[in-house]
C-alpha atoms as a PDB file:
ATOM      1  CA  UNK A   1      63.110 -38.310  -1.619  1.00  0.00           C
ATOM      2  CA  UNK A   2      61.594 -36.210   1.075  1.00  0.00           C
ATOM      3  CA  UNK A   3      57.992 -35.271   1.135  1.00  0.00           C
ATOM      4  CA  UNK A   4      56.851 -31.906   2.299  1.00  0.00           C
ATOM      5  CA  UNK A   5      53.636 -31.515   4.212  1.00  0.00           C
ATOM      6  CA  UNK A   6      51.442 -28.821   2.797  1.00  0.00           C
ATOM      7  CA  UNK A   7      49.533 -26.971   5.500  1.00  0.00           C
ATOM      8  CA  UNK A   8      46.299 -25.408   4.396  1.00  0.00           C
ATOM      9  CA  UNK A   9      46.439 -21.683   4.633  1.00  0.00           C
ATOM     10  CA  UNK A  10      43.457 -19.692   5.733  1.00  0.00           C
ATOM     11  CA  UNK A  11      42.334 -17.685   2.774  1.00  0.00           C
ATOM     12  CA  UNK A  12      41.543 -14.031   2.931  1.00  0.00           C
ATOM     13  CA  UNK A  13      37.966 -14.826   1.923  1.00  0.00           C
ATOM     14  CA  UNK A  14      37.387 -17.054   4.951  1.00  0.00           C
ATOM     15  CA  UNK A  15      38.927 -14.445   7.245  1.00  0.00           C
ATOM     16  CA  UNK A  16      36.654 -11.819   5.733  1.00  0.00           C
ATOM     17  CA  UNK A  17      33.631 -14.054   6.244  1.00  0.00           C
ATOM     18  CA  UNK A  18      34.512 -14.575   9.886  1.00  0.00           C
ATOM     19  CA  UNK A  19      35.009 -10.862  10.442  1.00  0.00           C
ATOM     20  CA  UNK A  20      31.731 -10.086   8.701  1.00  0.00           C
ATOM     21  CA  UNK A  21      29.867 -12.640  10.836  1.00  0.00           C
ATOM     22  CA  UNK A  22      31.279 -11.068  14.016  1.00  0.00           C
ATOM     23  CA  UNK A  23      30.240  -7.600  12.835  1.00  0.00           C
ATOM     24  CA  UNK A  24      26.710  -8.803  12.065  1.00  0.00           C
ATOM     25  CA  UNK A  25      26.497 -10.547  15.446  1.00  0.00           C
ATOM     26  CA  UNK A  26      27.698  -7.411  17.201  1.00  0.00           C
ATOM     27  CA  UNK A  27      25.133  -5.238  15.432  1.00  0.00           C
ATOM     28  CA  UNK A  28      22.353  -7.701  16.281  1.00  0.00           C
ATOM     29  CA  UNK A  29      23.386  -7.702  19.938  1.00  0.00           C
ATOM     30  CA  UNK A  30      23.547  -3.905  19.855  1.00  0.00           C
ATOM     31  CA  UNK A  31      19.920  -3.754  18.743  1.00  0.00           C
ATOM     32  CA  UNK A  32      18.980  -6.085  21.582  1.00  0.00           C
ATOM     33  CA  UNK A  33      20.864  -3.920  24.073  1.00  0.00           C
ATOM     34  CA  UNK A  34      19.125  -0.800  22.802  1.00  0.00           C
ATOM     35  CA  UNK A  35      15.700  -2.399  23.285  1.00  0.00           C
ATOM     36  CA  UNK A  36      16.667  -3.595  26.766  1.00  0.00           C
ATOM     37  CA  UNK A  37      17.922  -0.119  27.620  1.00  0.00           C
ATOM     38  CA  UNK A  38      14.522   1.277  26.599  1.00  0.00           C
ATOM     39  CA  UNK A  39      12.807  -1.158  28.919  1.00  0.00           C
ATOM     40  CA  UNK A  40      15.167  -0.495  31.839  1.00  0.00           C
ATOM     41  CA  UNK A  41      14.914   3.268  31.417  1.00  0.00           C
ATOM     42  CA  UNK A  42      11.117   3.271  31.252  1.00  0.00           C
ATOM     43  CA  UNK A  43      10.826   0.817  34.137  1.00  0.00           C
ATOM     44  CA  UNK A  44      13.117   2.836  36.395  1.00  0.00           C
ATOM     45  CA  UNK A  45      11.295   6.045  35.500  1.00  0.00           C
ATOM     46  CA  UNK A  46       7.791   4.642  35.838  1.00  0.00           C
ATOM     47  CA  UNK A  47       8.164   2.389  38.875  1.00  0.00           C
ATOM     48  CA  UNK A  48       7.019   5.136  41.240  1.00  0.00           C
ATOM     49  CA  UNK A  49       3.774   5.679  39.369  1.00  0.00           C
ATOM     50  CA  UNK A  50       3.120   1.941  39.076  1.00  0.00           C
ATOM     51  CA  UNK A  51       3.745   1.159  42.746  1.00  0.00           C
ATOM     52  CA  UNK A  52       1.825   4.186  44.019  1.00  0.00           C
ATOM     53  CA  UNK A  53      -1.314   3.398  42.019  1.00  0.00           C
ATOM     54  CA  UNK A  54      -1.040  -0.374  42.015  1.00  0.00           C
ATOM     55  CA  UNK A  55      -3.306  -2.386  39.756  1.00  0.00           C
ATOM     56  CA  UNK A  56      -5.690   0.576  39.521  1.00  0.00           C
ATOM     57  CA  UNK A  57      -3.138   2.232  37.244  1.00  0.00           C
ATOM     58  CA  UNK A  58      -4.241  -0.209  34.540  1.00  0.00           C
ATOM     59  CA  UNK A  59      -7.840  -0.912  35.579  1.00  0.00           C
ATOM     60  CA  UNK A  60      -8.918   2.481  36.931  1.00  0.00           C
ATOM     61  CA  UNK A  61     -10.854   5.013  34.873  1.00  0.00           C
ATOM     62  CA  UNK A  62      -9.890   8.318  36.516  1.00  0.00           C
ATOM     63  CA  UNK A  63      -7.004  10.535  35.455  1.00  0.00           C
ATOM     64  CA  UNK A  64      -6.902  13.545  37.802  1.00  0.00           C
ATOM     65  CA  UNK A  65      -3.393  14.973  38.288  1.00  0.00           C
ATOM     66  CA  UNK A  66      -4.731  17.742  40.539  1.00  0.00           C
ATOM     67  CA  UNK A  67      -5.808  15.161  43.127  1.00  0.00           C
ATOM     68  CA  UNK A  68      -2.993  12.687  42.485  1.00  0.00           C
ATOM     69  CA  UNK A  69      -5.155  10.029  40.794  1.00  0.00           C
ATOM     70  CA  UNK A  70      -3.533   8.359  37.808  1.00  0.00           C
ATOM     71  CA  UNK A  71      -5.214   5.576  35.840  1.00  0.00           C
ATOM     72  CA  UNK A  72      -4.212   4.747  32.282  1.00  0.00           C
ATOM     73  CA  UNK A  73      -7.178   2.577  31.280  1.00  0.00           C
ATOM     74  CA  UNK A  74      -9.021   5.343  29.351  1.00  0.00           C
ATOM     75  CA  UNK A  75      -5.907   5.910  27.260  1.00  0.00           C
ATOM     76  CA  UNK A  76      -5.430   2.181  26.658  1.00  0.00           C
ATOM     77  CA  UNK A  77      -9.016   1.988  25.411  1.00  0.00           C
ATOM     78  CA  UNK A  78      -8.544   5.093  23.271  1.00  0.00           C
ATOM     79  CA  UNK A  79      -5.399   3.639  21.708  1.00  0.00           C
ATOM     80  CA  UNK A  80      -7.119   0.328  20.997  1.00  0.00           C
ATOM     81  CA  UNK A  81     -10.216   1.954  19.471  1.00  0.00           C
ATOM     82  CA  UNK A  82      -8.345   4.361  17.203  1.00  0.00           C
ATOM     83  CA  UNK A  83      -5.828   1.744  16.046  1.00  0.00           C
ATOM     84  CA  UNK A  84      -8.428  -0.925  15.269  1.00  0.00           C
ATOM     85  CA  UNK A  85     -10.777   1.563  13.588  1.00  0.00           C
ATOM     86  CA  UNK A  86      -7.890   2.901  11.500  1.00  0.00           C
ATOM     87  CA  UNK A  87      -7.010  -0.631  10.358  1.00  0.00           C
ATOM     88  CA  UNK A  88     -10.635  -1.366   9.456  1.00  0.00           C
ATOM     89  CA  UNK A  89     -10.735   1.753   7.306  1.00  0.00           C
ATOM     90  CA  UNK A  90      -7.238   1.415   5.828  1.00  0.00           C
ATOM     91  CA  UNK A  91      -6.931  -2.289   4.950  1.00  0.00           C
ATOM     92  CA  UNK A  92      -9.543  -2.393   2.149  1.00  0.00           C
ATOM     93  CA  UNK A  93      -8.225   0.810   0.579  1.00  0.00           C
ATOM     94  CA  UNK A  94      -4.593  -0.284   0.865  1.00  0.00           C
ATOM     95  CA  UNK A  95      -5.232  -3.744  -0.615  1.00  0.00           C
ATOM     96  CA  UNK A  96      -7.332  -2.251  -3.397  1.00  0.00           C
ATOM     97  CA  UNK A  97      -4.506   0.154  -4.215  1.00  0.00           C
ATOM     98  CA  UNK A  98      -1.923  -2.649  -4.224  1.00  0.00           C
ATOM     99  CA  UNK A  99      -4.057  -4.895  -6.442  1.00  0.00           C
ATOM    100  CA  UNK A 100      -4.840  -2.065  -8.850  1.00  0.00           C
ATOM    101  CA  UNK A 101      -1.159  -1.177  -9.208  1.00  0.00           C
ATOM    102  CA  UNK A 102       0.018  -4.755  -9.700  1.00  0.00           C
ATOM    103  CA  UNK A 103      -2.842  -6.519 -11.475  1.00  0.00           C
ATOM    104  CA  UNK A 104      -5.053  -4.007 -13.234  1.00  0.00           C
ATOM    105  CA  UNK A 105      -3.271  -0.769 -14.089  1.00  0.00           C
ATOM    106  CA  UNK A 106      -1.039  -0.554 -17.185  1.00  0.00           C
ATOM    107  CA  UNK A 107       2.606   0.178 -16.568  1.00  0.00           C
ATOM    108  CA  UNK A 108       2.361   3.830 -17.604  1.00  0.00           C
ATOM    109  CA  UNK A 109      -0.275   4.329 -14.905  1.00  0.00           C
ATOM    110  CA  UNK A 110       0.883   1.929 -12.175  1.00  0.00           C
ATOM    111  CA  UNK A 111       4.247   3.618 -11.632  1.00  0.00           C
ATOM    112  CA  UNK A 112       2.860   7.155 -11.028  1.00  0.00           C
ATOM    113  CA  UNK A 113       0.072   5.830  -8.811  1.00  0.00           C
ATOM    114  CA  UNK A 114       2.556   3.762  -6.790  1.00  0.00           C
ATOM    115  CA  UNK A 115       4.775   6.810  -6.399  1.00  0.00           C
ATOM    116  CA  UNK A 116       1.861   8.925  -5.181  1.00  0.00           C
ATOM    117  CA  UNK A 117       0.868   6.275  -2.632  1.00  0.00           C
ATOM    118  CA  UNK A 118       4.419   6.103  -1.293  1.00  0.00           C
ATOM    119  CA  UNK A 119       4.552   9.897  -1.192  1.00  0.00           C
ATOM    120  CA  UNK A 120       1.876   9.857   1.503  1.00  0.00           C
ATOM    121  CA  UNK A 121       4.332   8.122   3.832  1.00  0.00           C
ATOM    122  CA  UNK A 122       6.829  10.984   3.482  1.00  0.00           C
ATOM    123  CA  UNK A 123       4.396  13.706   4.601  1.00  0.00           C
ATOM    124  CA  UNK A 124       5.252  14.901   8.159  1.00  0.00           C
ATOM    125  CA  UNK A 125       2.775  14.194  10.942  1.00  0.00           C
ATOM    126  CA  UNK A 126       2.230  17.884  11.665  1.00  0.00           C
ATOM    127  CA  UNK A 127       1.021  18.369   8.068  1.00  0.00           C
ATOM    128  CA  UNK A 128      -1.494  15.572   8.546  1.00  0.00           C
ATOM    129  CA  UNK A 129      -2.555  17.217  11.791  1.00  0.00           C
ATOM    130  CA  UNK A 130      -3.046  20.609  10.148  1.00  0.00           C
ATOM    131  CA  UNK A 131      -4.993  18.981   7.315  1.00  0.00           C
ATOM    132  CA  UNK A 132      -7.123  17.245   9.924  1.00  0.00           C
ATOM    133  CA  UNK A 133      -7.870  20.539  11.691  1.00  0.00           C
ATOM    134  CA  UNK A 134      -8.691  22.602   8.612  1.00  0.00           C
ATOM    135  CA  UNK A 135     -10.332  19.959   6.400  1.00  0.00           C
ATOM    136  CA  UNK A 136     -11.339  16.835   8.322  1.00  0.00           C
ATOM    137  CA  UNK A 137     -12.687  18.484  11.485  1.00  0.00           C
ATOM    138  CA  UNK A 138     -15.248  20.642   9.633  1.00  0.00           C
ATOM    139  CA  UNK A 139     -16.429  17.644   7.604  1.00  0.00           C
ATOM    140  CA  UNK A 140     -16.881  15.450  10.666  1.00  0.00           C
ATOM    141  CA  UNK A 141     -18.536  18.337  12.521  1.00  0.00           C
ATOM    142  CA  UNK A 142     -21.059  18.795   9.694  1.00  0.00           C
ATOM    143  CA  UNK A 143     -21.790  15.068   9.758  1.00  0.00           C
ATOM    144  CA  UNK A 144     -22.348  15.174  13.515  1.00  0.00           C
ATOM    145  CA  UNK A 145     -24.700  18.128  13.103  1.00  0.00           C
ATOM    146  CA  UNK A 146     -26.605  16.298  10.365  1.00  0.00           C
ATOM    147  CA  UNK A 147     -26.991  13.201  12.567  1.00  0.00           C
ATOM    148  CA  UNK A 148     -28.149  15.390  15.454  1.00  0.00           C
ATOM    149  CA  UNK A 149     -30.781  17.047  13.279  1.00  0.00           C
ATOM    150  CA  UNK A 150     -32.051  13.708  11.982  1.00  0.00           C
ATOM    151  CA  UNK A 151     -31.926  11.598  15.143  1.00  0.00           C
ATOM    152  CA  UNK A 152     -31.568  13.994  18.061  1.00  0.00           C
ATOM    153  CA  UNK A 153     -28.419  12.295  19.332  1.00  0.00           C
ATOM    154  CA  UNK A 154     -26.752  14.891  21.605  1.00  0.00           C
ATOM    155  CA  UNK A 155     -23.364  15.023  19.905  1.00  0.00           C
ATOM    156  CA  UNK A 156     -21.381  18.219  20.076  1.00  0.00           C
ATOM    157  CA  UNK A 157     -20.612  19.043  16.431  1.00  0.00           C
ATOM    158  CA  UNK A 158     -17.047  20.138  17.084  1.00  0.00           C
ATOM    159  CA  UNK A 159     -15.421  17.462  14.942  1.00  0.00           C
ATOM    160  CA  UNK A 160     -12.854  16.604  17.589  1.00  0.00           C
ATOM    161  CA  UNK A 161     -12.994  12.998  18.675  1.00  0.00           C
ATOM    162  CA  UNK A 162     -12.008   9.385  18.263  1.00  0.00           C
ATOM    163  CA  UNK A 163     -13.571   9.011  14.809  1.00  0.00           C
ATOM    164  CA  UNK A 164     -11.645  11.955  13.402  1.00  0.00           C
ATOM    165  CA  UNK A 165      -8.401  10.572  14.826  1.00  0.00           C
ATOM    166  CA  UNK A 166      -9.184   7.129  13.392  1.00  0.00           C
ATOM    167  CA  UNK A 167      -9.842   8.516   9.897  1.00  0.00           C
ATOM    168  CA  UNK A 168      -6.627  10.523  10.033  1.00  0.00           C
ATOM    169  CA  UNK A 169      -4.647   7.488  11.196  1.00  0.00           C
ATOM    170  CA  UNK A 170      -6.164   5.383   8.418  1.00  0.00           C
ATOM    171  CA  UNK A 171      -4.950   7.882   5.821  1.00  0.00           C
ATOM    172  CA  UNK A 172      -1.492   7.843   7.403  1.00  0.00           C
ATOM    173  CA  UNK A 173      -1.069   4.064   7.441  1.00  0.00           C
ATOM    174  CA  UNK A 174      -2.491   3.339   3.977  1.00  0.00           C
ATOM    175  CA  UNK A 175       0.855   3.903   2.192  1.00  0.00           C
ATOM    176  CA  UNK A 176       2.688   1.496   4.528  1.00  0.00           C
ATOM    177  CA  UNK A 177       0.217  -1.346   4.018  1.00  0.00           C
ATOM    178  CA  UNK A 178      -0.201  -0.628   0.299  1.00  0.00           C
ATOM    179  CA  UNK A 179       3.531  -0.454  -0.460  1.00  0.00           C
ATOM    180  CA  UNK A 180       4.386  -3.704   1.299  1.00  0.00           C
ATOM    181  CA  UNK A 181       1.346  -5.475  -0.158  1.00  0.00           C
ATOM    182  CA  UNK A 182       2.287  -4.280  -3.646  1.00  0.00           C
ATOM    183  CA  UNK A 183       5.854  -5.563  -3.316  1.00  0.00           C
ATOM    184  CA  UNK A 184       4.700  -8.910  -1.940  1.00  0.00           C
ATOM    185  CA  UNK A 185       2.103  -9.372  -4.684  1.00  0.00           C
ATOM    186  CA  UNK A 186       4.744  -8.646  -7.317  1.00  0.00           C
ATOM    187  CA  UNK A 187       6.864 -11.453  -5.858  1.00  0.00           C
ATOM    188  CA  UNK A 188       4.140 -14.039  -6.487  1.00  0.00           C
ATOM    189  CA  UNK A 189       5.466 -16.344  -9.261  1.00  0.00           C
ATOM    190  CA  UNK A 190       3.784 -15.956 -12.614  1.00  0.00           C
ATOM    191  CA  UNK A 191       3.249 -19.712 -12.593  1.00  0.00           C
ATOM    192  CA  UNK A 192       0.561 -19.142  -9.967  1.00  0.00           C
ATOM    193  CA  UNK A 193      -1.331 -16.815 -12.280  1.00  0.00           C
ATOM    194  CA  UNK A 194      -0.794 -18.872 -15.443  1.00  0.00           C
ATOM    195  CA  UNK A 195      -1.940 -22.068 -13.768  1.00  0.00           C
ATOM    196  CA  UNK A 196      -5.150 -20.418 -12.602  1.00  0.00           C
ATOM    197  CA  UNK A 197      -5.820 -18.903 -16.018  1.00  0.00           C
ATOM    198  CA  UNK A 198      -5.166 -22.298 -17.634  1.00  0.00           C
ATOM    199  CA  UNK A 199      -7.943 -23.762 -15.510  1.00  0.00           C
ATOM    200  CA  UNK A 200     -10.348 -21.119 -16.785  1.00  0.00           C
ATOM    201  CA  UNK A 201     -10.298 -18.828 -13.756  1.00  0.00           C
ATOM    202  CA  UNK A 202     -11.461 -15.245 -14.019  1.00  0.00           C
ATOM    203  CA  UNK A 203      -9.335 -12.280 -12.955  1.00  0.00           C
ATOM    204  CA  UNK A 204     -10.888 -12.189  -9.501  1.00  0.00           C
ATOM    205  CA  UNK A 205     -10.552 -15.954  -9.094  1.00  0.00           C
ATOM    206  CA  UNK A 206      -6.861 -15.698  -9.992  1.00  0.00           C
ATOM    207  CA  UNK A 207      -6.399 -13.044  -7.324  1.00  0.00           C
ATOM    208  CA  UNK A 208      -8.434 -14.939  -4.738  1.00  0.00           C
ATOM    209  CA  UNK A 209      -6.984 -18.404  -5.293  1.00  0.00           C
ATOM    210  CA  UNK A 210      -3.536 -17.817  -6.780  1.00  0.00           C
ATOM    211  CA  UNK A 211      -2.221 -14.520  -5.472  1.00  0.00           C
ATOM    212  CA  UNK A 212      -3.680 -13.645  -2.070  1.00  0.00           C
ATOM    213  CA  UNK A 213      -3.015 -17.064  -0.454  1.00  0.00           C
ATOM    214  CA  UNK A 214       0.617 -16.882  -1.566  1.00  0.00           C
ATOM    215  CA  UNK A 215       1.084 -13.261  -0.456  1.00  0.00           C
ATOM    216  CA  UNK A 216      -1.005 -13.318   2.722  1.00  0.00           C
ATOM    217  CA  UNK A 217       1.970 -13.552   5.092  1.00  0.00           C
ATOM    218  CA  UNK A 218       3.622 -10.474   3.608  1.00  0.00           C
ATOM    219  CA  UNK A 219       0.328  -8.587   3.511  1.00  0.00           C
ATOM    220  CA  UNK A 220      -0.229  -9.381   7.170  1.00  0.00           C
ATOM    221  CA  UNK A 221       3.264  -8.097   7.906  1.00  0.00           C
ATOM    222  CA  UNK A 222       2.361  -4.811   6.220  1.00  0.00           C
ATOM    223  CA  UNK A 223      -0.801  -4.615   8.298  1.00  0.00           C
ATOM    224  CA  UNK A 224       1.221  -5.065  11.477  1.00  0.00           C
ATOM    225  CA  UNK A 225       3.571  -2.296  10.362  1.00  0.00           C
ATOM    226  CA  UNK A 226       0.560  -0.051   9.858  1.00  0.00           C
ATOM    227  CA  UNK A 227      -0.757  -1.048  13.283  1.00  0.00           C
ATOM    228  CA  UNK A 228       2.538  -0.041  14.860  1.00  0.00           C
ATOM    229  CA  UNK A 229       2.333   3.353  13.151  1.00  0.00           C
ATOM    230  CA  UNK A 230      -1.249   3.790  14.341  1.00  0.00           C
ATOM    231  CA  UNK A 231      -0.375   2.919  17.935  1.00  0.00           C
ATOM    232  CA  UNK A 232       2.673   5.143  18.114  1.00  0.00           C
ATOM    233  CA  UNK A 233       1.422   8.188  16.183  1.00  0.00           C
ATOM    234  CA  UNK A 234       1.442  11.186  18.496  1.00  0.00           C
ATOM    235  CA  UNK A 235       1.295  14.671  17.037  1.00  0.00           C
ATOM    236  CA  UNK A 236      -1.472  14.285  14.458  1.00  0.00           C
ATOM    237  CA  UNK A 237      -3.680  12.367  16.896  1.00  0.00           C
ATOM    238  CA  UNK A 238      -3.111  14.913  19.659  1.00  0.00           C
ATOM    239  CA  UNK A 239      -4.271  17.692  17.339  1.00  0.00           C
ATOM    240  CA  UNK A 240      -7.673  16.148  16.491  1.00  0.00           C
ATOM    241  CA  UNK A 241      -8.733  13.666  19.201  1.00  0.00           C
ATOM    242  CA  UNK A 242      -9.817  16.248  21.777  1.00  0.00           C
ATOM    243  CA  UNK A 243      -7.556  15.051  24.629  1.00  0.00           C
ATOM    244  CA  UNK A 244     -10.361  14.181  27.064  1.00  0.00           C
ATOM    245  CA  UNK A 245      -9.393  12.068  30.062  1.00  0.00           C
ATOM    246  CA  UNK A 246     -12.221   9.563  29.820  1.00  0.00           C
ATOM    247  CA  UNK A 247     -13.313   6.443  27.992  1.00  0.00           C
ATOM    248  CA  UNK A 248     -15.090   7.439  24.750  1.00  0.00           C
ATOM    249  CA  UNK A 249     -18.824   6.844  25.077  1.00  0.00           C
ATOM    250  CA  UNK A 250     -19.519   6.867  21.324  1.00  0.00           C
ATOM    251  CA  UNK A 251     -17.502   6.885  18.077  1.00  0.00           C
ATOM    252  CA  UNK A 252     -17.525  10.692  17.912  1.00  0.00           C
ATOM    253  CA  UNK A 253     -16.698  11.335  21.558  1.00  0.00           C
ATOM    254  CA  UNK A 254     -13.458  13.018  22.522  1.00  0.00           C
ATOM    255  CA  UNK A 255     -10.735  10.930  24.126  1.00  0.00           C
ATOM    256  CA  UNK A 256      -6.996  10.352  24.354  1.00  0.00           C
ATOM    257  CA  UNK A 257      -4.453   7.719  23.424  1.00  0.00           C
ATOM    258  CA  UNK A 258      -1.364   6.665  25.343  1.00  0.00           C
ATOM    259  CA  UNK A 259       0.899   8.609  23.023  1.00  0.00           C
ATOM    260  CA  UNK A 260      -1.291  11.721  22.943  1.00  0.00           C
ATOM    261  CA  UNK A 261      -1.528  11.986  26.738  1.00  0.00           C
ATOM    262  CA  UNK A 262       2.259  11.814  27.036  1.00  0.00           C
ATOM    263  CA  UNK A 263       2.714  14.452  24.345  1.00  0.00           C
ATOM    264  CA  UNK A 264       0.094  16.824  25.748  1.00  0.00           C
ATOM    265  CA  UNK A 265       1.015  16.636  29.436  1.00  0.00           C
ATOM    266  CA  UNK A 266       4.674  15.726  29.789  1.00  0.00           C
ATOM    267  CA  UNK A 267       5.854  19.341  29.517  1.00  0.00           C
ATOM    268  CA  UNK A 268       3.334  20.395  32.168  1.00  0.00           C
ATOM    269  CA  UNK A 269       4.145  17.636  34.646  1.00  0.00           C
ATOM    270  CA  UNK A 270       6.014  18.938  37.694  1.00  0.00           C
ATOM    271  CA  UNK A 271       5.095  16.435  40.385  1.00  0.00           C
ATOM    272  CA  UNK A 272       7.482  13.432  40.390  1.00  0.00           C
ATOM    273  CA  UNK A 273       4.616  10.975  40.588  1.00  0.00           C
ATOM    274  CA  UNK A 274       2.901  12.718  37.659  1.00  0.00           C
ATOM    275  CA  UNK A 275       6.050  12.377  35.565  1.00  0.00           C
ATOM    276  CA  UNK A 276       6.508   8.771  36.646  1.00  0.00           C
ATOM    277  CA  UNK A 277       2.913   7.926  35.679  1.00  0.00           C
ATOM    278  CA  UNK A 278       3.463   9.313  32.187  1.00  0.00           C
ATOM    279  CA  UNK A 279       6.678   7.313  31.853  1.00  0.00           C
ATOM    280  CA  UNK A 280       4.774   4.226  33.020  1.00  0.00           C
ATOM    281  CA  UNK A 281       2.306   4.767  30.165  1.00  0.00           C
ATOM    282  CA  UNK A 282       5.284   4.741  27.811  1.00  0.00           C
ATOM    283  CA  UNK A 283       6.348   1.435  29.393  1.00  0.00           C
ATOM    284  CA  UNK A 284       2.897  -0.005  28.715  1.00  0.00           C
ATOM    285  CA  UNK A 285       3.212   1.058  25.075  1.00  0.00           C
ATOM    286  CA  UNK A 286       6.573  -0.696  24.796  1.00  0.00           C
ATOM    287  CA  UNK A 287       5.242  -3.909  26.355  1.00  0.00           C
ATOM    288  CA  UNK A 288       2.172  -3.800  24.134  1.00  0.00           C
ATOM    289  CA  UNK A 289       4.321  -3.322  21.032  1.00  0.00           C
ATOM    290  CA  UNK A 290       6.540  -6.275  21.947  1.00  0.00           C
ATOM    291  CA  UNK A 291       3.519  -8.515  22.499  1.00  0.00           C
ATOM    292  CA  UNK A 292       1.908  -7.453  19.208  1.00  0.00           C
ATOM    293  CA  UNK A 293       5.121  -8.061  17.263  1.00  0.00           C
ATOM    294  CA  UNK A 294       5.629 -11.494  18.836  1.00  0.00           C
ATOM    295  CA  UNK A 295       2.060 -12.580  18.117  1.00  0.00           C
ATOM    296  CA  UNK A 296       2.329 -11.244  14.565  1.00  0.00           C
ATOM    297  CA  UNK A 297       5.544 -13.185  13.942  1.00  0.00           C
ATOM    298  CA  UNK A 298       3.794 -16.384  15.014  1.00  0.00           C
ATOM    299  CA  UNK A 299       0.823 -15.651  12.773  1.00  0.00           C
ATOM    300  CA  UNK A 300       3.074 -14.817   9.803  1.00  0.00           C
ATOM    301  CA  UNK A 301       4.831 -18.166  10.151  1.00  0.00           C
ATOM    302  CA  UNK A 302       1.446 -19.887  10.152  1.00  0.00           C
ATOM    303  CA  UNK A 303       0.303 -17.973   7.066  1.00  0.00           C
ATOM    304  CA  UNK A 304       3.472 -18.535   5.081  1.00  0.00           C
ATOM    305  CA  UNK A 305       2.888 -21.095   2.282  1.00  0.00           C
ATOM    306  CA  UNK A 306       4.802 -24.362   2.476  1.00  0.00           C
ATOM    307  CA  UNK A 307       8.172 -24.169   0.780  1.00  0.00           C
ATOM    308  CA  UNK A 308       8.519 -20.411   1.226  1.00  0.00           C
ATOM    309  CA  UNK A 309      11.258 -19.489   3.630  1.00  0.00           C
ATOM    310  CA  UNK A 310      11.040 -16.300   5.686  1.00  0.00           C
END
């Protein structure tokens, strides 16, 4: 009696899994190559401006294309101020919206409110900019005039400035933070809520001790997404910030951000060093974004509750 050796055949499922893994790996590497191409392109285009100005390109305070002086520090400060101010204004409103939709509002009300919040994210930037010009600028200008009449602070009541841009950015990033926070809060297990209620906790105590600690990593991720939108927003900010080439001296002073200066001057730049300096500002934005995302990923891992896998 002869015995036949059965050789295991590779199933179609395993072949499909291998092919799928290669496709996923290729797509992941493609994303990495795209990011590297951004960096190489911006570095090659901005190297002239960086080498010509040296360290003063980052630390200097004068931007004077007519005399060949290019320093990006005022725009770095303007970007930082508007982004941080927008987060300060947006985070409480976004979290309140998310908590109202998930924990307080009945279902017949939560769904329409959630839809309206998400609808804000679909509005084009130019519409926000036009709304800022026709609605927000007059309101801020009237407030500046009122402060001037009461205190004598010499503010020009034009409405254009860093504060107007920050308010507009806050309105633009609220739907991003609110939507992600809402989804993360909904993923909190009901056991967390029921255990807190069983111990006699109030509604606020349930939210504070059972929901927010569990969802804090996801909420922080939504905040970082909103920060990225605030840093990179161009058109709406350009329309209301005033586009002054200086460090803002007060919350209502006019200024510029890194994105707004590129948008407002790139089409007018004819000198090669002028163009290279604008591209170098774009390189700084890319580096800043990479650093922010890396730091945020570390913080999210620290905030993630034990046993929850990202």
